[in-house]
Amino acid sequence: MIYDGSSKKKAANSAALLRLRGIFLTTATTSLGIMPMLFETSTQAQFLIPALMIIREDIRAKIKRFQTV
């Protein structure tokens, strides 16, 4: 965008928005993909639920850290 005559600040803002879109989509699809397994009651799922809880908390912590910046 700098080559188009835009300022550095505008180019950085546009790049950040494009990058955040991918991060948001990845987080949303991961969260939605985990949900069915979190509510599963089978014996096999009982072994995976603790791992899924760790992933969920990690995503939550990263979002919280991003919001404080």
Protein backbone atom coordinates (compact mmCIF):
# COMPACT_ATOMS: atom_id res chain seq x y z
CA MET A 1 0.00 0.00 0.00
CA ILE A 2 2.93 2.31 0.53
CA TYR A 3 3.64 2.00 -3.19
CA ASP A 4 0.11 3.27 -3.90
CA GLY A 5 0.91 6.55 -2.16
CA SER A 6 -0.74 5.68 1.18
CA SER A 7 0.88 6.73 4.43
CA LYS A 8 2.81 4.23 6.53
CA LYS A 9 0.20 4.43 9.27
CA LYS A 10 -2.65 3.63 6.86
CA ALA A 11 -0.68 0.77 5.31
CA ALA A 12 0.11 -0.70 8.74
CA ASN A 13 -3.54 -0.41 9.78
CA SER A 14 -4.74 -2.18 6.64
CA ALA A 15 -2.15 -4.95 7.07
CA ALA A 16 -3.13 -5.43 10.72
CA LEU A 17 -6.81 -5.74 9.82
CA LEU A 18 -6.03 -8.33 7.15
CA ARG A 19 -3.92 -10.32 9.61
CA LEU A 20 -6.55 -10.16 12.36
CA ARG A 21 -9.19 -11.49 9.99
CA GLY A 22 -7.25 -14.74 9.58
CA ILE A 23 -6.61 -15.01 13.31
CA PHE A 24 -10.28 -14.46 14.09
CA LEU A 25 -11.45 -17.03 11.54
CA THR A 26 -8.98 -19.63 12.81
CA THR A 27 -10.03 -19.05 16.42
CA ALA A 28 -13.73 -19.17 15.57
CA THR A 29 -13.52 -22.39 13.56
CA THR A 30 -11.35 -24.08 16.19
CA SER A 31 -13.76 -23.10 18.96
CA LEU A 32 -16.79 -24.29 17.01
CA GLY A 33 -15.03 -27.53 16.07
CA ILE A 34 -14.22 -28.31 19.70
CA MET A 35 -17.75 -27.70 21.01
CA PRO A 36 -19.37 -31.00 19.98
CA MET A 37 -16.62 -33.03 21.62
CA LEU A 38 -16.80 -31.02 24.86
CA PHE A 39 -20.41 -32.07 25.35
CA GLU A 40 -19.87 -35.72 24.35
CA THR A 41 -20.57 -38.23 27.12
CA SER A 42 -18.96 -41.38 25.71
CA THR A 43 -16.07 -43.07 27.48
CA GLN A 44 -13.65 -42.32 24.64
CA ALA A 45 -14.45 -38.62 24.74
CA GLN A 46 -13.80 -38.50 28.48
CA PHE A 47 -10.09 -38.97 27.76
CA LEU A 48 -10.02 -36.11 25.23
CA ILE A 49 -12.04 -33.52 27.12
CA PRO A 50 -9.13 -32.44 29.42
CA ALA A 51 -6.95 -31.79 26.36
CA LEU A 52 -9.73 -29.77 24.75
CA MET A 53 -10.14 -27.73 27.91
CA ILE A 54 -6.44 -26.84 27.78
CA ILE A 55 -6.77 -25.71 24.16
CA ARG A 56 -9.85 -23.64 25.02
CA GLU A 57 -8.12 -21.94 27.93
CA ASP A 58 -5.05 -21.22 25.81
CA ILE A 59 -7.20 -19.53 23.17
CA ARG A 60 -9.00 -17.57 25.87
CA ALA A 61 -5.70 -16.40 27.39
CA LYS A 62 -4.37 -15.28 24.02
CA ILE A 63 -7.54 -13.31 23.30
CA LYS A 64 -7.40 -11.68 26.73
CA ARG A 65 -3.72 -10.78 26.25
CA PHE A 66 -4.54 -9.26 22.85
CA GLN A 67 -7.36 -7.17 24.32
CA THR A 68 -5.08 -5.59 26.93
CA VAL A 69 -2.61 -4.34 24.29
